[in-house]
Amino acid sequence: QVQLAESGGGWVQAGGSLRLSCVASGFTFSGKVMSWYRQSPGKERELVASIPATEYSNSVKGRFTISRDNAKNAVYLEMNNLKPEDTAVYYCHARLSLSSDFWGQGIQVTVSS
């Protein structure tokens, strides 16, 4: 079955760094568009970054880096210079096909001031 297993979240002080990992299984990983989204209470879920056509939201440009390792079926999000406004639940996302999307369970990232 399709699964996206997220890890690497947690608590960090402002200015610190975290690295999120998402290990995929149950589908052919290479060639699939992978993304990280995030959602904080009261806000819409927003796209943070995607790959292979690397794109970033303006709020994270220069601070976050998305990468992938197809041999490991993994996508990563390196988050540097974290800010309190980065606090959110982060979701790994796979575009399985034009009409099929799959979401991870989400992982909490909390940035304290």
N, C-alpha and C. Protein backbone atom coordinates (compact mmCIF):
# COMPACT_ATOMS: atom_id res chain seq x y z
N GLN A 1 0.83 -1.17 0.00
CA GLN A 1 0.00 0.00 0.00
C GLN A 1 0.88 1.24 0.00
N VAL A 2 0.31 2.32 -0.49
CA VAL A 2 1.04 3.57 -0.54
C VAL A 2 1.22 4.10 0.87
N GLN A 3 2.43 4.54 1.16
CA GLN A 3 2.72 5.09 2.47
C GLN A 3 3.77 6.16 2.35
N LEU A 4 3.58 7.23 3.10
CA LEU A 4 4.56 8.30 3.22
C LEU A 4 4.85 8.46 4.70
N ALA A 5 6.05 8.09 5.10
CA ALA A 5 6.44 8.10 6.50
C ALA A 5 7.33 9.30 6.77
N GLU A 6 6.80 10.24 7.53
CA GLU A 6 7.51 11.47 7.84
C GLU A 6 8.25 11.35 9.16
N SER A 7 9.37 12.01 9.25
CA SER A 7 10.13 12.05 10.49
C SER A 7 10.99 13.31 10.51
N GLY A 8 11.53 13.62 11.67
CA GLY A 8 12.45 14.73 11.80
C GLY A 8 11.87 16.00 12.38
N GLY A 9 10.59 16.00 12.67
CA GLY A 9 9.98 17.17 13.26
C GLY A 9 10.33 17.30 14.73
N GLY A 10 9.82 18.35 15.32
CA GLY A 10 10.07 18.56 16.73
C GLY A 10 10.09 20.03 17.07
N TRP A 11 10.78 20.32 18.15
CA TRP A 11 10.86 21.69 18.67
C TRP A 11 12.25 22.25 18.43
N VAL A 12 12.29 23.53 18.08
CA VAL A 12 13.56 24.20 17.86
C VAL A 12 13.39 25.68 18.16
N GLN A 13 14.44 26.31 18.62
CA GLN A 13 14.41 27.74 18.84
C GLN A 13 14.54 28.49 17.53
N ALA A 14 14.00 29.70 17.51
CA ALA A 14 14.13 30.54 16.34
C ALA A 14 15.60 30.66 15.94
N GLY A 15 15.84 30.56 14.65
CA GLY A 15 17.19 30.59 14.13
C GLY A 15 17.82 29.23 13.98
N GLY A 16 17.19 28.22 14.54
CA GLY A 16 17.70 26.87 14.46
C GLY A 16 17.30 26.17 13.18
N SER A 17 17.65 24.90 13.11
CA SER A 17 17.42 24.11 11.90
C SER A 17 16.80 22.76 12.23
N LEU A 18 16.05 22.26 11.28
CA LEU A 18 15.51 20.91 11.33
C LEU A 18 15.55 20.33 9.94
N ARG A 19 15.59 19.02 9.86
CA ARG A 19 15.56 18.34 8.58
C ARG A 19 14.46 17.30 8.61
N LEU A 20 13.45 17.50 7.79
CA LEU A 20 12.36 16.56 7.68
C LEU A 20 12.67 15.51 6.62
N SER A 21 12.25 14.30 6.89
CA SER A 21 12.41 13.21 5.94
C SER A 21 11.06 12.58 5.65
N CYS A 22 10.91 12.12 4.44
CA CYS A 22 9.70 11.42 4.03
C CYS A 22 10.13 10.22 3.20
N VAL A 23 9.87 9.05 3.72
CA VAL A 23 10.20 7.82 3.02
C VAL A 23 8.93 7.24 2.41
N ALA A 24 8.96 7.04 1.11
CA ALA A 24 7.79 6.59 0.38
C ALA A 24 7.87 5.10 0.10
N SER A 25 6.71 4.48 0.03
CA SER A 25 6.63 3.08 -0.33
C SER A 25 5.29 2.81 -0.99
N GLY A 26 5.23 1.74 -1.74
CA GLY A 26 3.98 1.34 -2.36
C GLY A 26 3.74 1.89 -3.75
N PHE A 27 4.69 2.62 -4.28
CA PHE A 27 4.57 3.13 -5.64
C PHE A 27 5.95 3.42 -6.19
N THR A 28 6.01 3.61 -7.49
CA THR A 28 7.27 3.94 -8.13
C THR A 28 7.60 5.39 -7.84
N PHE A 29 8.65 5.58 -7.06
CA PHE A 29 8.96 6.90 -6.53
C PHE A 29 9.55 7.83 -7.58
N SER A 30 10.53 7.31 -8.31
CA SER A 30 11.19 8.16 -9.29
C SER A 30 10.20 8.64 -10.34
N GLY A 31 10.33 9.89 -10.71
CA GLY A 31 9.45 10.48 -11.70
C GLY A 31 8.20 11.10 -11.13
N LYS A 32 7.92 10.83 -9.87
CA LYS A 32 6.75 11.42 -9.22
C LYS A 32 7.10 12.77 -8.62
N VAL A 33 6.19 13.70 -8.76
CA VAL A 33 6.36 14.99 -8.12
C VAL A 33 6.09 14.84 -6.62
N MET A 34 7.05 15.26 -5.83
CA MET A 34 6.93 15.19 -4.38
C MET A 34 6.94 16.61 -3.82
N SER A 35 6.19 16.80 -2.76
CA SER A 35 6.06 18.13 -2.20
C SER A 35 5.99 18.08 -0.68
N TRP A 36 6.29 19.20 -0.09
CA TRP A 36 6.03 19.44 1.32
C TRP A 36 5.01 20.56 1.43
N TYR A 37 3.99 20.33 2.22
CA TYR A 37 3.00 21.33 2.56
C TYR A 37 3.04 21.56 4.06
N ARG A 38 2.41 22.63 4.48
CA ARG A 38 2.28 22.86 5.91
C ARG A 38 0.95 23.54 6.20
N GLN A 39 0.49 23.35 7.42
CA GLN A 39 -0.76 23.96 7.84
C GLN A 39 -0.68 24.29 9.32
N SER A 40 -1.01 25.52 9.64
CA SER A 40 -1.09 25.96 11.02
C SER A 40 -2.55 26.24 11.35
N PRO A 41 -2.91 26.23 12.63
CA PRO A 41 -4.32 26.43 13.01
C PRO A 41 -4.90 27.71 12.43
N GLY A 42 -6.08 27.58 11.84
CA GLY A 42 -6.77 28.72 11.29
C GLY A 42 -6.30 29.16 9.92
N LYS A 43 -5.36 28.44 9.35
CA LYS A 43 -4.84 28.80 8.05
C LYS A 43 -5.02 27.66 7.06
N GLU A 44 -5.04 28.01 5.79
CA GLU A 44 -5.12 27.01 4.74
C GLU A 44 -3.80 26.26 4.62
N ARG A 45 -3.90 25.02 4.19
CA ARG A 45 -2.69 24.28 3.91
C ARG A 45 -1.98 24.93 2.72
N GLU A 46 -0.69 25.12 2.85
CA GLU A 46 0.06 25.81 1.82
C GLU A 46 1.23 24.96 1.33
N LEU A 47 1.54 25.12 0.07
CA LEU A 47 2.68 24.45 -0.52
C LEU A 47 3.95 25.13 -0.05
N VAL A 48 4.87 24.36 0.47
CA VAL A 48 6.15 24.87 0.93
C VAL A 48 7.22 24.70 -0.14
N ALA A 49 7.31 23.50 -0.69
CA ALA A 49 8.33 23.21 -1.69
C ALA A 49 7.94 21.97 -2.46
N SER A 50 8.45 21.86 -3.69
CA SER A 50 8.19 20.70 -4.52
C SER A 50 9.42 20.38 -5.35
N ILE A 51 9.44 19.17 -5.85
CA ILE A 51 10.56 18.65 -6.62
C ILE A 51 10.03 17.59 -7.58
N PRO A 52 10.54 17.46 -8.81
CA PRO A 52 11.87 17.83 -9.30
C PRO A 52 11.99 19.25 -9.82
N ALA A 53 10.89 19.85 -10.25
CA ALA A 53 10.94 21.25 -10.64
C ALA A 53 10.88 22.06 -9.36
N THR A 54 12.03 22.26 -8.75
CA THR A 54 12.09 22.83 -7.42
C THR A 54 11.43 24.19 -7.35
N GLU A 55 10.47 24.28 -6.47
CA GLU A 55 9.73 25.50 -6.23
C GLU A 55 9.60 25.68 -4.73
N TYR A 56 9.58 26.93 -4.32
CA TYR A 56 9.45 27.25 -2.91
C TYR A 56 8.46 28.37 -2.73
N SER A 57 7.76 28.34 -1.63
CA SER A 57 6.94 29.48 -1.29
C SER A 57 7.86 30.65 -0.98
N ASN A 58 7.37 31.84 -1.22
CA ASN A 58 8.20 33.02 -0.99
C ASN A 58 8.65 33.14 0.46
N SER A 59 7.85 32.65 1.37
CA SER A 59 8.17 32.79 2.78
C SER A 59 9.35 31.93 3.22
N VAL A 60 9.71 30.92 2.43
CA VAL A 60 10.79 30.03 2.83
C VAL A 60 11.99 30.09 1.89
N LYS A 61 11.89 30.82 0.82
CA LYS A 61 12.99 30.92 -0.13
C LYS A 61 14.25 31.41 0.57
N GLY A 62 15.35 30.73 0.28
CA GLY A 62 16.62 31.08 0.89
C GLY A 62 16.85 30.44 2.23
N ARG A 63 15.83 29.84 2.81
CA ARG A 63 15.96 29.20 4.11
C ARG A 63 15.74 27.69 4.06
N PHE A 64 14.84 27.25 3.19
CA PHE A 64 14.51 25.83 3.08
C PHE A 64 15.07 25.27 1.79
N THR A 65 15.42 24.00 1.82
CA THR A 65 15.89 23.30 0.64
C THR A 65 15.23 21.94 0.55
N ILE A 66 14.60 21.67 -0.58
CA ILE A 66 14.02 20.36 -0.81
C ILE A 66 14.97 19.53 -1.65
N SER A 67 15.07 18.26 -1.34
CA SER A 67 15.92 17.36 -2.10
C SER A 67 15.30 15.96 -2.07
N ARG A 68 15.83 15.09 -2.91
CA ARG A 68 15.31 13.72 -2.92
C ARG A 68 16.42 12.75 -3.23
N ASP A 69 16.23 11.53 -2.81
CA ASP A 69 17.13 10.43 -3.09
C ASP A 69 16.26 9.30 -3.61
N ASN A 70 16.24 9.16 -4.92
CA ASN A 70 15.37 8.15 -5.52
C ASN A 70 15.76 6.73 -5.13
N ALA A 71 17.05 6.51 -4.87
CA ALA A 71 17.50 5.19 -4.45
C ALA A 71 16.92 4.81 -3.10
N LYS A 72 16.62 5.80 -2.29
CA LYS A 72 16.06 5.56 -0.97
C LYS A 72 14.56 5.85 -0.89
N ASN A 73 13.98 6.23 -2.01
CA ASN A 73 12.57 6.61 -2.05
C ASN A 73 12.26 7.67 -1.00
N ALA A 74 13.13 8.65 -0.93
CA ALA A 74 13.01 9.63 0.14
C ALA A 74 13.06 11.05 -0.41
N VAL A 75 12.32 11.91 0.24
CA VAL A 75 12.38 13.33 -0.04
C VAL A 75 12.63 14.04 1.29
N TYR A 76 13.42 15.10 1.24
CA TYR A 76 13.84 15.78 2.44
C TYR A 76 13.50 17.26 2.36
N LEU A 77 13.36 17.86 3.50
CA LEU A 77 13.20 19.30 3.58
C LEU A 77 14.13 19.81 4.67
N GLU A 78 15.20 20.46 4.23
CA GLU A 78 16.12 21.07 5.17
C GLU A 78 15.63 22.47 5.47
N MET A 79 15.40 22.74 6.73
CA MET A 79 14.84 24.01 7.15
C MET A 79 15.87 24.72 8.02
N ASN A 80 16.32 25.86 7.56
CA ASN A 80 17.31 26.65 8.27
C ASN A 80 16.73 28.00 8.66
N ASN A 81 17.37 28.62 9.64
CA ASN A 81 16.94 29.92 10.12
C ASN A 81 15.44 29.94 10.38
N LEU A 82 14.99 28.97 11.13
CA LEU A 82 13.57 28.83 11.38
C LEU A 82 13.01 30.00 12.17
N LYS A 83 11.78 30.34 11.84
CA LYS A 83 11.08 31.44 12.47
C LYS A 83 9.82 30.92 13.15
N PRO A 84 9.33 31.64 14.15
CA PRO A 84 8.09 31.19 14.81
C PRO A 84 6.94 30.98 13.83
N GLU A 85 6.87 31.77 12.79
CA GLU A 85 5.80 31.62 11.82
C GLU A 85 5.92 30.35 10.98
N ASP A 86 7.04 29.65 11.09
CA ASP A 86 7.18 28.36 10.44
C ASP A 86 6.50 27.25 11.22
N THR A 87 6.06 27.54 12.42
CA THR A 87 5.37 26.54 13.23
C THR A 87 4.12 26.05 12.51
N ALA A 88 4.04 24.75 12.32
CA ALA A 88 2.92 24.17 11.59
C ALA A 88 3.07 22.65 11.60
N VAL A 89 2.03 21.99 11.13
CA VAL A 89 2.12 20.58 10.81
C VAL A 89 2.57 20.49 9.36
N TYR A 90 3.64 19.77 9.13
CA TYR A 90 4.20 19.62 7.79
C TYR A 90 3.80 18.27 7.22
N TYR A 91 3.36 18.29 5.97
CA TYR A 91 2.86 17.10 5.30
C TYR A 91 3.69 16.78 4.07
N CYS A 92 4.09 15.55 3.95
CA CYS A 92 4.68 15.05 2.73
C CYS A 92 3.56 14.69 1.76
N HIS A 93 3.76 15.01 0.50
CA HIS A 93 2.72 14.80 -0.50
C HIS A 93 3.31 14.18 -1.76
N ALA A 94 2.58 13.23 -2.30
CA ALA A 94 2.97 12.59 -3.55
C ALA A 94 1.87 12.76 -4.58
N ARG A 95 2.26 13.20 -5.76
CA ARG A 95 1.34 13.22 -6.88
C ARG A 95 1.50 11.88 -7.60
N LEU A 96 0.64 10.94 -7.27
CA LEU A 96 0.73 9.60 -7.83
C LEU A 96 0.35 9.58 -9.30
N SER A 97 -0.61 10.37 -9.67
CA SER A 97 -1.06 10.52 -11.05
C SER A 97 -1.79 11.83 -11.15
N LEU A 98 -2.27 12.12 -12.35
CA LEU A 98 -3.00 13.37 -12.54
C LEU A 98 -4.21 13.47 -11.62
N SER A 99 -4.81 12.34 -11.31
CA SER A 99 -6.03 12.32 -10.52
C SER A 99 -5.87 11.66 -9.16
N SER A 100 -4.65 11.38 -8.76
CA SER A 100 -4.43 10.68 -7.51
C SER A 100 -3.32 11.33 -6.70
N ASP A 101 -3.68 11.81 -5.52
CA ASP A 101 -2.72 12.41 -4.59
C ASP A 101 -2.72 11.62 -3.30
N PHE A 102 -1.59 11.59 -2.65
CA PHE A 102 -1.48 10.90 -1.37
C PHE A 102 -0.74 11.77 -0.39
N TRP A 103 -1.25 11.80 0.83
CA TRP A 103 -0.69 12.64 1.89
C TRP A 103 -0.14 11.81 3.03
N GLY A 104 0.97 12.26 3.58
CA GLY A 104 1.43 11.69 4.82
C GLY A 104 0.55 12.13 5.96
N GLN A 105 0.81 11.58 7.14
CA GLN A 105 -0.01 11.90 8.30
C GLN A 105 0.28 13.29 8.86
N GLY A 106 1.41 13.83 8.54
CA GLY A 106 1.79 15.14 9.04
C GLY A 106 2.70 15.02 10.25
N ILE A 107 3.59 15.97 10.39
CA ILE A 107 4.52 15.98 11.50
C ILE A 107 4.66 17.41 12.02
N GLN A 108 4.65 17.54 13.33
CA GLN A 108 4.65 18.86 13.95
C GLN A 108 6.04 19.47 13.97
N VAL A 109 6.11 20.72 13.58
CA VAL A 109 7.31 21.53 13.73
C VAL A 109 6.93 22.75 14.56
N THR A 110 7.61 22.94 15.67
CA THR A 110 7.34 24.06 16.55
C THR A 110 8.60 24.89 16.72
N VAL A 111 8.49 26.16 16.41
CA VAL A 111 9.63 27.08 16.51
C VAL A 111 9.29 28.10 17.58
N SER A 112 10.09 28.15 18.60
CA SER A 112 9.85 29.06 19.70
C SER A 112 10.70 30.31 19.56
N SER A 113 10.20 31.41 20.09
CA SER A 113 10.93 32.67 20.04
C SER A 113 11.77 32.88 21.28
